[in-house]
Amino acid sequence: MFSTIVTVFLVLASVVLIASILLQSGKSAGLSGSIGGGAEQIWGKNKARDYDDKFDKVTKISAIVFMVSALLLAYIQK
């Protein structure tokens, strides 16, 4: 029963991890991103940055849950 619960956490963490990585914007947008990025900082249009910060936090948490549950599941099935 405990291995079933850990497997459910593993599957949920993997789905959240995949979704949060795919929803993040690229960190390097190339030359056009560096030129346009300065203008966005001047005019205060950082709403996309707030979403990126949230997705970054969700990615870190789901990665930790994924690793812990994978290690725990490997230890249980040993």
N, C-alpha and C. Protein backbone atom coordinates (compact mmCIF):
# COMPACT_ATOMS: atom_id res chain seq x y z
N MET A 1 0.82 -1.19 0.00
CA MET A 1 0.00 0.00 0.00
C MET A 1 0.86 1.26 0.00
N PHE A 2 1.95 1.23 0.76
CA PHE A 2 2.85 2.38 0.84
C PHE A 2 3.53 2.63 -0.51
N SER A 3 3.85 1.55 -1.23
CA SER A 3 4.49 1.73 -2.54
C SER A 3 3.51 2.33 -3.54
N THR A 4 2.23 2.06 -3.40
CA THR A 4 1.22 2.65 -4.28
C THR A 4 1.13 4.16 -4.05
N ILE A 5 1.17 4.57 -2.81
CA ILE A 5 1.11 6.00 -2.48
C ILE A 5 2.34 6.72 -3.02
N VAL A 6 3.50 6.10 -2.86
CA VAL A 6 4.74 6.71 -3.36
C VAL A 6 4.72 6.77 -4.89
N THR A 7 4.17 5.75 -5.54
CA THR A 7 4.07 5.75 -7.00
C THR A 7 3.14 6.86 -7.49
N VAL A 8 2.05 7.08 -6.78
CA VAL A 8 1.14 8.18 -7.14
C VAL A 8 1.85 9.52 -7.01
N PHE A 9 2.62 9.73 -5.93
CA PHE A 9 3.38 10.96 -5.79
C PHE A 9 4.40 11.11 -6.91
N LEU A 10 5.02 10.01 -7.31
CA LEU A 10 6.01 10.04 -8.38
C LEU A 10 5.38 10.45 -9.71
N VAL A 11 4.22 9.90 -10.01
CA VAL A 11 3.54 10.23 -11.27
C VAL A 11 3.06 11.67 -11.25
N LEU A 12 2.47 12.12 -10.15
CA LEU A 12 2.00 13.50 -10.06
C LEU A 12 3.16 14.49 -10.15
N ALA A 13 4.25 14.18 -9.47
CA ALA A 13 5.41 15.07 -9.52
C ALA A 13 5.99 15.13 -10.92
N SER A 14 5.99 14.02 -11.63
CA SER A 14 6.54 14.03 -12.98
C SER A 14 5.67 14.84 -13.93
N VAL A 15 4.35 14.74 -13.79
CA VAL A 15 3.45 15.51 -14.65
C VAL A 15 3.59 17.00 -14.36
N VAL A 16 3.65 17.37 -13.10
CA VAL A 16 3.81 18.79 -12.73
C VAL A 16 5.17 19.30 -13.18
N LEU A 17 6.19 18.47 -13.08
CA LEU A 17 7.53 18.86 -13.50
C LEU A 17 7.58 19.11 -15.01
N ILE A 18 7.00 18.23 -15.78
CA ILE A 18 6.97 18.40 -17.23
C ILE A 18 6.19 19.66 -17.61
N ALA A 19 5.03 19.85 -17.00
CA ALA A 19 4.20 21.02 -17.33
C ALA A 19 4.88 22.32 -16.94
N SER A 20 5.51 22.35 -15.78
CA SER A 20 6.14 23.60 -15.34
C SER A 20 7.37 23.94 -16.18
N ILE A 21 8.08 22.93 -16.66
CA ILE A 21 9.22 23.21 -17.52
C ILE A 21 8.76 23.71 -18.89
N LEU A 22 7.71 23.10 -19.41
CA LEU A 22 7.22 23.52 -20.73
C LEU A 22 6.57 24.90 -20.71
N LEU A 23 6.04 25.33 -19.59
CA LEU A 23 5.38 26.62 -19.52
C LEU A 23 6.33 27.78 -19.24
N GLN A 24 7.57 27.48 -18.88
CA GLN A 24 8.53 28.54 -18.63
C GLN A 24 9.01 29.13 -19.94
N SER A 25 9.33 30.41 -19.92
CA SER A 25 9.92 31.03 -21.10
C SER A 25 11.42 30.80 -21.08
N GLY A 26 12.03 30.93 -22.24
CA GLY A 26 13.47 30.71 -22.35
C GLY A 26 14.25 31.76 -21.59
N LYS A 27 15.36 31.36 -21.01
CA LYS A 27 16.17 32.30 -20.24
C LYS A 27 16.99 33.20 -21.15
N SER A 28 17.41 32.71 -22.30
CA SER A 28 18.18 33.54 -23.23
C SER A 28 17.36 33.69 -24.50
N ALA A 29 16.91 34.89 -24.73
CA ALA A 29 16.08 35.15 -25.89
C ALA A 29 16.90 35.64 -27.08
N GLY A 30 18.21 35.57 -26.98
CA GLY A 30 19.06 36.01 -28.08
C GLY A 30 19.28 37.51 -28.05
N LEU A 31 19.72 38.03 -29.18
CA LEU A 31 20.04 39.46 -29.26
C LEU A 31 18.80 40.32 -29.15
N SER A 32 17.71 39.90 -29.77
CA SER A 32 16.49 40.71 -29.69
C SER A 32 15.94 40.73 -28.27
N GLY A 33 16.12 39.66 -27.52
CA GLY A 33 15.67 39.64 -26.14
C GLY A 33 16.48 40.55 -25.24
N SER A 34 17.78 40.68 -25.55
CA SER A 34 18.60 41.56 -24.72
C SER A 34 18.31 43.02 -25.02
N ILE A 35 17.96 43.34 -26.26
CA ILE A 35 17.62 44.72 -26.60
C ILE A 35 16.25 45.07 -26.03
N GLY A 36 15.27 44.21 -26.24
CA GLY A 36 13.92 44.47 -25.74
C GLY A 36 13.82 44.34 -24.24
N GLY A 37 14.70 43.57 -23.63
CA GLY A 37 14.64 43.36 -22.19
C GLY A 37 14.92 44.62 -21.42
N GLY A 38 15.83 45.47 -21.94
CA GLY A 38 16.12 46.73 -21.27
C GLY A 38 14.93 47.66 -21.27
N ALA A 39 14.19 47.68 -22.38
CA ALA A 39 13.01 48.54 -22.46
C ALA A 39 11.92 48.06 -21.52
N GLU A 40 11.79 46.74 -21.37
CA GLU A 40 10.77 46.23 -20.45
C GLU A 40 11.09 46.60 -19.01
N GLN A 41 12.37 46.63 -18.66
CA GLN A 41 12.73 46.99 -17.29
C GLN A 41 12.49 48.47 -17.03
N ILE A 42 12.69 49.28 -18.05
CA ILE A 42 12.48 50.72 -17.87
C ILE A 42 11.00 51.03 -17.67
N TRP A 43 10.14 50.43 -18.47
CA TRP A 43 8.72 50.73 -18.42
C TRP A 43 7.97 49.89 -17.40
N GLY A 44 8.64 48.96 -16.73
CA GLY A 44 8.00 48.22 -15.65
C GLY A 44 7.07 47.11 -16.09
N LYS A 45 7.28 46.56 -17.24
CA LYS A 45 6.43 45.46 -17.71
C LYS A 45 7.06 44.14 -17.31
N ASN A 46 6.97 43.79 -16.07
CA ASN A 46 7.60 42.57 -15.56
C ASN A 46 6.58 41.54 -15.12
N LYS A 47 5.38 41.57 -15.65
CA LYS A 47 4.37 40.59 -15.26
C LYS A 47 4.79 39.19 -15.68
N ALA A 48 5.40 39.06 -16.86
CA ALA A 48 5.87 37.76 -17.32
C ALA A 48 6.96 37.24 -16.40
N ARG A 49 7.75 38.12 -15.86
CA ARG A 49 8.83 37.72 -14.95
C ARG A 49 8.25 37.12 -13.67
N ASP A 50 7.14 37.66 -13.19
CA ASP A 50 6.50 37.13 -11.99
C ASP A 50 6.03 35.69 -12.23
N TYR A 51 5.46 35.45 -13.41
CA TYR A 51 5.03 34.09 -13.74
C TYR A 51 6.22 33.15 -13.87
N ASP A 52 7.31 33.64 -14.42
CA ASP A 52 8.50 32.81 -14.53
C ASP A 52 9.05 32.45 -13.15
N ASP A 53 8.99 33.39 -12.23
CA ASP A 53 9.45 33.11 -10.87
C ASP A 53 8.58 32.05 -10.20
N LYS A 54 7.27 32.13 -10.43
CA LYS A 54 6.37 31.12 -9.85
C LYS A 54 6.60 29.75 -10.47
N PHE A 55 6.78 29.71 -11.79
CA PHE A 55 7.05 28.43 -12.45
C PHE A 55 8.40 27.87 -12.01
N ASP A 56 9.36 28.75 -11.75
CA ASP A 56 10.66 28.31 -11.27
C ASP A 56 10.55 27.65 -9.91
N LYS A 57 9.75 28.25 -9.03
CA LYS A 57 9.56 27.68 -7.69
C LYS A 57 8.81 26.34 -7.76
N VAL A 58 7.77 26.28 -8.61
CA VAL A 58 7.02 25.03 -8.78
C VAL A 58 7.92 23.94 -9.35
N THR A 59 8.81 24.30 -10.27
CA THR A 59 9.74 23.34 -10.86
C THR A 59 10.69 22.79 -9.81
N LYS A 60 11.21 23.66 -8.96
CA LYS A 60 12.14 23.21 -7.92
C LYS A 60 11.45 22.28 -6.92
N ILE A 61 10.25 22.64 -6.50
CA ILE A 61 9.53 21.81 -5.53
C ILE A 61 9.16 20.46 -6.12
N SER A 62 8.66 20.47 -7.36
CA SER A 62 8.28 19.20 -7.98
C SER A 62 9.50 18.34 -8.27
N ALA A 63 10.64 18.94 -8.58
CA ALA A 63 11.86 18.16 -8.79
C ALA A 63 12.31 17.49 -7.49
N ILE A 64 12.19 18.19 -6.38
CA ILE A 64 12.56 17.61 -5.09
C ILE A 64 11.62 16.47 -4.73
N VAL A 65 10.31 16.68 -4.93
CA VAL A 65 9.33 15.61 -4.65
C VAL A 65 9.58 14.41 -5.55
N PHE A 66 9.90 14.66 -6.81
CA PHE A 66 10.18 13.58 -7.75
C PHE A 66 11.40 12.76 -7.31
N MET A 67 12.48 13.44 -6.97
CA MET A 67 13.70 12.73 -6.57
C MET A 67 13.51 11.95 -5.27
N VAL A 68 12.86 12.55 -4.30
CA VAL A 68 12.64 11.87 -3.03
C VAL A 68 11.74 10.65 -3.21
N SER A 69 10.67 10.81 -3.98
CA SER A 69 9.76 9.68 -4.18
C SER A 69 10.39 8.59 -5.03
N ALA A 70 11.23 8.96 -5.99
CA ALA A 70 11.93 7.94 -6.78
C ALA A 70 12.91 7.15 -5.94
N LEU A 71 13.65 7.83 -5.10
CA LEU A 71 14.60 7.15 -4.21
C LEU A 71 13.86 6.28 -3.18
N LEU A 72 12.78 6.80 -2.66
CA LEU A 72 11.99 6.05 -1.69
C LEU A 72 11.38 4.80 -2.32
N LEU A 73 10.88 4.93 -3.54
CA LEU A 73 10.29 3.79 -4.24
C LEU A 73 11.36 2.74 -4.56
N ALA A 74 12.55 3.19 -4.93
CA ALA A 74 13.63 2.24 -5.19
C ALA A 74 14.04 1.52 -3.91
N TYR A 75 14.05 2.24 -2.80
CA TYR A 75 14.40 1.62 -1.52
C TYR A 75 13.33 0.62 -1.07
N ILE A 76 12.06 0.94 -1.29
CA ILE A 76 10.96 0.05 -0.88
C ILE A 76 10.99 -1.23 -1.69
N GLN A 77 11.22 -1.13 -2.99
CA GLN A 77 11.15 -2.29 -3.85
C GLN A 77 12.42 -3.14 -3.80
N LYS A 78 13.41 -2.71 -3.12
CA LYS A 78 14.65 -3.46 -2.98
C LYS A 78 14.50 -4.62 -2.10
